[in-house]
Amino acid sequence: MEDDIIANETVKSIRNGCFLAMARKLTLEQRIVFSLAEMFEISLDEISDILNISIPAVKGLLFRARKNIFNFFTDRSQF
């Protein structure tokens, strides 16, 4: 039981470290759009309204964020 708790905390720490390292590869605008779209499942229309930017701008930021995240993991993954 104690080993499970330690393992869970270790996994959580590694996951948080990966997320922070990955997030540093994104611009602030990319982080915001990615978080709203992927983590909070907000529609592109709503993100456009929230940030007061066009839908094509939202799509571009989301595309670049996903590309940067993909490159981040591709560069660090051995799978």
C-alpha atoms as a PDB file:
ATOM      1  CA  MET A   1       0.000   0.000   0.000  1.00  0.00           C
ATOM      2  CA  GLU A   2       2.740   2.461   0.906  1.00  0.00           C
ATOM      3  CA  ASP A   3       4.628   1.422  -2.245  1.00  0.00           C
ATOM      4  CA  ASP A   4       1.528   2.221  -4.316  1.00  0.00           C
ATOM      5  CA  ILE A   5       1.305   5.692  -2.801  1.00  0.00           C
ATOM      6  CA  ILE A   6       4.982   6.346  -3.473  1.00  0.00           C
ATOM      7  CA  ALA A   7       4.659   5.061  -7.049  1.00  0.00           C
ATOM      8  CA  ASN A   8       1.587   7.223  -7.673  1.00  0.00           C
ATOM      9  CA  GLU A   9       3.354  10.303  -6.328  1.00  0.00           C
ATOM     10  CA  THR A  10       6.408   9.548  -8.477  1.00  0.00           C
ATOM     11  CA  VAL A  11       4.275   9.178 -11.605  1.00  0.00           C
ATOM     12  CA  LYS A  12       2.448  12.419 -10.782  1.00  0.00           C
ATOM     13  CA  SER A  13       5.753  14.241 -10.310  1.00  0.00           C
ATOM     14  CA  ILE A  14       7.149  12.948 -13.612  1.00  0.00           C
ATOM     15  CA  ARG A  15       3.919  13.816 -15.446  1.00  0.00           C
ATOM     16  CA  ASN A  16       3.919  17.347 -14.012  1.00  0.00           C
ATOM     17  CA  GLY A  17       7.577  17.799 -14.937  1.00  0.00           C
ATOM     18  CA  CYS A  18       6.888  16.661 -18.512  1.00  0.00           C
ATOM     19  CA  PHE A  19       3.910  18.968 -18.778  1.00  0.00           C
ATOM     20  CA  LEU A  20       5.899  21.957 -17.541  1.00  0.00           C
ATOM     21  CA  ALA A  21       8.784  21.212 -19.913  1.00  0.00           C
ATOM     22  CA  MET A  22       6.353  20.788 -22.796  1.00  0.00           C
ATOM     23  CA  ALA A  23       4.469  23.971 -21.917  1.00  0.00           C
ATOM     24  CA  ARG A  24       7.709  25.955 -22.029  1.00  0.00           C
ATOM     25  CA  LYS A  25       8.003  25.032 -25.710  1.00  0.00           C
ATOM     26  CA  LEU A  26       4.748  26.859 -26.464  1.00  0.00           C
ATOM     27  CA  THR A  27       4.130  30.571 -26.693  1.00  0.00           C
ATOM     28  CA  LEU A  28       1.699  32.015 -24.180  1.00  0.00           C
ATOM     29  CA  GLU A  29      -0.981  32.260 -26.864  1.00  0.00           C
ATOM     30  CA  GLN A  30      -0.424  28.633 -27.918  1.00  0.00           C
ATOM     31  CA  ARG A  31      -0.626  27.479 -24.285  1.00  0.00           C
ATOM     32  CA  ILE A  32      -3.888  29.320 -23.748  1.00  0.00           C
ATOM     33  CA  VAL A  33      -5.533  28.010 -26.927  1.00  0.00           C
ATOM     34  CA  PHE A  34      -4.239  24.467 -26.363  1.00  0.00           C
ATOM     35  CA  SER A  35      -5.473  24.442 -22.773  1.00  0.00           C
ATOM     36  CA  LEU A  36      -8.896  25.789 -23.668  1.00  0.00           C
ATOM     37  CA  ALA A  37      -9.348  23.418 -26.613  1.00  0.00           C
ATOM     38  CA  GLU A  38      -7.743  20.218 -25.368  1.00  0.00           C
ATOM     39  CA  MET A  39      -7.999  20.349 -21.607  1.00  0.00           C
ATOM     40  CA  PHE A  40     -11.284  22.195 -21.176  1.00  0.00           C
ATOM     41  CA  GLU A  41     -12.858  21.054 -24.481  1.00  0.00           C
ATOM     42  CA  ILE A  42     -14.015  24.550 -25.394  1.00  0.00           C
ATOM     43  CA  SER A  43     -15.035  24.966 -29.032  1.00  0.00           C
ATOM     44  CA  LEU A  44     -12.945  26.991 -31.453  1.00  0.00           C
ATOM     45  CA  ASP A  45     -15.835  29.452 -31.830  1.00  0.00           C
ATOM     46  CA  GLU A  46     -15.939  30.015 -28.082  1.00  0.00           C
ATOM     47  CA  ILE A  47     -12.147  30.370 -27.877  1.00  0.00           C
ATOM     48  CA  SER A  48     -12.347  32.951 -30.662  1.00  0.00           C
ATOM     49  CA  ASP A  49     -14.914  34.897 -28.640  1.00  0.00           C
ATOM     50  CA  ILE A  50     -13.027  34.560 -25.352  1.00  0.00           C
ATOM     51  CA  LEU A  51      -9.704  35.734 -26.813  1.00  0.00           C
ATOM     52  CA  ASN A  52     -11.246  38.171 -29.285  1.00  0.00           C
ATOM     53  CA  ILE A  53      -9.314  36.703 -32.207  1.00  0.00           C
ATOM     54  CA  SER A  54     -10.481  35.157 -35.472  1.00  0.00           C
ATOM     55  CA  ILE A  55     -11.258  31.470 -35.832  1.00  0.00           C
ATOM     56  CA  PRO A  56      -8.412  31.055 -38.369  1.00  0.00           C
ATOM     57  CA  ALA A  57      -6.052  32.578 -35.767  1.00  0.00           C
ATOM     58  CA  VAL A  58      -7.313  30.093 -33.159  1.00  0.00           C
ATOM     59  CA  LYS A  59      -6.821  27.220 -35.611  1.00  0.00           C
ATOM     60  CA  GLY A  60      -3.306  28.401 -36.426  1.00  0.00           C
ATOM     61  CA  LEU A  61      -2.316  28.678 -32.771  1.00  0.00           C
ATOM     62  CA  LEU A  62      -3.776  25.260 -32.011  1.00  0.00           C
ATOM     63  CA  PHE A  63      -2.023  23.721 -35.024  1.00  0.00           C
ATOM     64  CA  ARG A  64       1.352  25.170 -33.999  1.00  0.00           C
ATOM     65  CA  ALA A  65       0.829  24.138 -30.366  1.00  0.00           C
ATOM     66  CA  ARG A  66       0.066  20.550 -31.378  1.00  0.00           C
ATOM     67  CA  LYS A  67       3.046  20.528 -33.747  1.00  0.00           C
ATOM     68  CA  ASN A  68       5.380  21.828 -31.022  1.00  0.00           C
ATOM     69  CA  ILE A  69       4.057  19.263 -28.534  1.00  0.00           C
ATOM     70  CA  PHE A  70       4.463  16.460 -31.081  1.00  0.00           C
ATOM     71  CA  ASN A  71       8.048  17.590 -31.789  1.00  0.00           C
ATOM     72  CA  PHE A  72       8.761  17.840 -28.064  1.00  0.00           C
ATOM     73  CA  PHE A  73       7.754  14.231 -27.460  1.00  0.00           C
ATOM     74  CA  THR A  74       9.293  12.938 -30.689  1.00  0.00           C
ATOM     75  CA  ASP A  75      12.648  14.404 -29.682  1.00  0.00           C
ATOM     76  CA  ARG A  76      12.455  12.837 -26.214  1.00  0.00           C
ATOM     77  CA  SER A  77      10.775   9.509 -26.872  1.00  0.00           C
ATOM     78  CA  GLN A  78      12.515   6.284 -27.722  1.00  0.00           C
ATOM     79  CA  PHE A  79       9.336   4.439 -28.657  1.00  0.00           C
END
